[in-house]
Amino acid sequence: MDDDDEVMETMRAVDQALGTGGGADKMASLTVPNPCEAYDKIRDVLPGLIKIARKIPVVGKRIAAALELLKSIGDKFCPA
């Protein structure tokens, strides 16, 4: 599987987990009354997003660090 396929597969998994249907407009209007409920939906795909973020030139390491922080906070406050 090449990088483009991996990116698309991971993004489809995020869309499916969040029920966004792939639309940026839907993501923008997503309300999260229970953050742990939202985190539980993306918990499994977050490592893939971190891996993809690291491959982005210039800013990828910072994006990956932010996602890793999100994951560590989610894991601490929203136990599986």
C-alpha atoms as a PDB file:
ATOM      1  CA  MET A   1       0.000   0.000   0.000  1.00  0.00           C
ATOM      2  CA  ASP A   2       1.483   3.357  -0.972  1.00  0.00           C
ATOM      3  CA  ASP A   3       1.331   6.488   1.178  1.00  0.00           C
ATOM      4  CA  ASP A   4      -1.647   7.995  -0.670  1.00  0.00           C
ATOM      5  CA  ASP A   5      -3.723   4.863  -0.156  1.00  0.00           C
ATOM      6  CA  GLU A   6      -2.768   4.775   3.524  1.00  0.00           C
ATOM      7  CA  VAL A   7      -3.781   8.416   3.977  1.00  0.00           C
ATOM      8  CA  MET A   8      -7.124   7.892   2.257  1.00  0.00           C
ATOM      9  CA  GLU A   9      -7.834   4.723   4.247  1.00  0.00           C
ATOM     10  CA  THR A  10      -7.085   6.490   7.525  1.00  0.00           C
ATOM     11  CA  MET A  11      -9.236   9.494   6.608  1.00  0.00           C
ATOM     12  CA  ARG A  12     -12.132   7.192   5.666  1.00  0.00           C
ATOM     13  CA  ALA A  13     -11.762   5.506   9.065  1.00  0.00           C
ATOM     14  CA  VAL A  14     -11.953   8.909  10.791  1.00  0.00           C
ATOM     15  CA  ASP A  15     -15.022   9.871   8.749  1.00  0.00           C
ATOM     16  CA  GLN A  16     -16.688   6.578   9.564  1.00  0.00           C
ATOM     17  CA  ALA A  17     -15.819   6.797  13.270  1.00  0.00           C
ATOM     18  CA  LEU A  18     -17.166  10.319  13.601  1.00  0.00           C
ATOM     19  CA  GLY A  19     -20.077   9.786  11.237  1.00  0.00           C
ATOM     20  CA  THR A  20     -19.131  12.874   9.256  1.00  0.00           C
ATOM     21  CA  GLY A  21     -19.595  11.371   5.816  1.00  0.00           C
ATOM     22  CA  GLY A  22     -16.429  13.054   4.542  1.00  0.00           C
ATOM     23  CA  GLY A  23     -17.664  16.637   4.511  1.00  0.00           C
ATOM     24  CA  ALA A  24     -15.617  19.454   6.004  1.00  0.00           C
ATOM     25  CA  ASP A  25     -18.836  21.393   6.594  1.00  0.00           C
ATOM     26  CA  LYS A  26     -20.184  18.526   8.656  1.00  0.00           C
ATOM     27  CA  MET A  27     -16.965  18.437  10.683  1.00  0.00           C
ATOM     28  CA  ALA A  28     -17.266  22.155  11.397  1.00  0.00           C
ATOM     29  CA  SER A  29     -20.808  21.780  12.694  1.00  0.00           C
ATOM     30  CA  LEU A  30     -20.035  18.727  14.834  1.00  0.00           C
ATOM     31  CA  THR A  31     -20.969  19.322  18.460  1.00  0.00           C
ATOM     32  CA  VAL A  32     -19.425  17.233  21.188  1.00  0.00           C
ATOM     33  CA  PRO A  33     -21.463  17.164  24.399  1.00  0.00           C
ATOM     34  CA  ASN A  34     -19.312  14.350  25.785  1.00  0.00           C
ATOM     35  CA  PRO A  35     -15.619  14.595  24.811  1.00  0.00           C
ATOM     36  CA  CYS A  36     -14.904  11.013  25.926  1.00  0.00           C
ATOM     37  CA  GLU A  37     -17.612   9.747  23.608  1.00  0.00           C
ATOM     38  CA  ALA A  38     -15.921  11.538  20.692  1.00  0.00           C
ATOM     39  CA  TYR A  39     -12.462  10.367  21.755  1.00  0.00           C
ATOM     40  CA  ASP A  40     -13.632   6.761  21.946  1.00  0.00           C
ATOM     41  CA  LYS A  41     -14.702   7.035  18.307  1.00  0.00           C
ATOM     42  CA  ILE A  42     -11.260   8.156  17.115  1.00  0.00           C
ATOM     43  CA  ARG A  43      -9.084   6.268  19.617  1.00  0.00           C
ATOM     44  CA  ASP A  44      -8.290   3.446  17.172  1.00  0.00           C
ATOM     45  CA  VAL A  45      -7.427   5.680  14.198  1.00  0.00           C
ATOM     46  CA  LEU A  46      -5.351   8.244  16.099  1.00  0.00           C
ATOM     47  CA  PRO A  47      -2.072   6.279  15.798  1.00  0.00           C
ATOM     48  CA  GLY A  48      -2.563   6.179  12.016  1.00  0.00           C
ATOM     49  CA  LEU A  49      -3.179   9.925  11.921  1.00  0.00           C
ATOM     50  CA  ILE A  50      -0.024  10.520  13.963  1.00  0.00           C
ATOM     51  CA  LYS A  51       1.971   8.370  11.550  1.00  0.00           C
ATOM     52  CA  ILE A  52       0.603  10.297   8.569  1.00  0.00           C
ATOM     53  CA  ALA A  53       1.187  13.671  10.240  1.00  0.00           C
ATOM     54  CA  ARG A  54       4.879  12.857  10.740  1.00  0.00           C
ATOM     55  CA  LYS A  55       5.258  12.580   6.950  1.00  0.00           C
ATOM     56  CA  ILE A  56       4.056  16.143   6.302  1.00  0.00           C
ATOM     57  CA  PRO A  57       7.025  18.351   5.398  1.00  0.00           C
ATOM     58  CA  VAL A  58       7.984  21.237   7.701  1.00  0.00           C
ATOM     59  CA  VAL A  59       5.037  21.121  10.147  1.00  0.00           C
ATOM     60  CA  GLY A  60       4.447  17.378  10.419  1.00  0.00           C
ATOM     61  CA  LYS A  61       6.424  16.865  13.606  1.00  0.00           C
ATOM     62  CA  ARG A  62       4.459  19.590  15.383  1.00  0.00           C
ATOM     63  CA  ILE A  63       1.134  18.241  14.175  1.00  0.00           C
ATOM     64  CA  ALA A  64       2.141  14.752  15.312  1.00  0.00           C
ATOM     65  CA  ALA A  65       3.172  16.142  18.710  1.00  0.00           C
ATOM     66  CA  ALA A  66      -0.216  17.858  19.078  1.00  0.00           C
ATOM     67  CA  LEU A  67      -2.024  14.640  18.157  1.00  0.00           C
ATOM     68  CA  GLU A  68       0.128  12.678  20.615  1.00  0.00           C
ATOM     69  CA  LEU A  69      -0.807  15.190  23.328  1.00  0.00           C
ATOM     70  CA  LEU A  70      -4.480  14.777  22.450  1.00  0.00           C
ATOM     71  CA  LYS A  71      -4.060  10.998  22.634  1.00  0.00           C
ATOM     72  CA  SER A  72      -2.316  11.133  26.016  1.00  0.00           C
ATOM     73  CA  ILE A  73      -5.019  13.416  27.453  1.00  0.00           C
ATOM     74  CA  GLY A  74      -7.766  11.231  26.009  1.00  0.00           C
ATOM     75  CA  ASP A  75      -6.163   8.059  27.341  1.00  0.00           C
ATOM     76  CA  LYS A  76      -5.799   9.587  30.804  1.00  0.00           C
ATOM     77  CA  PHE A  77      -9.286  11.055  31.176  1.00  0.00           C
ATOM     78  CA  CYS A  78     -11.289   8.634  29.023  1.00  0.00           C
ATOM     79  CA  PRO A  79     -10.246   5.091  29.994  1.00  0.00           C
ATOM     80  CA  ALA A  80     -11.227   2.397  27.525  1.00  0.00           C
END
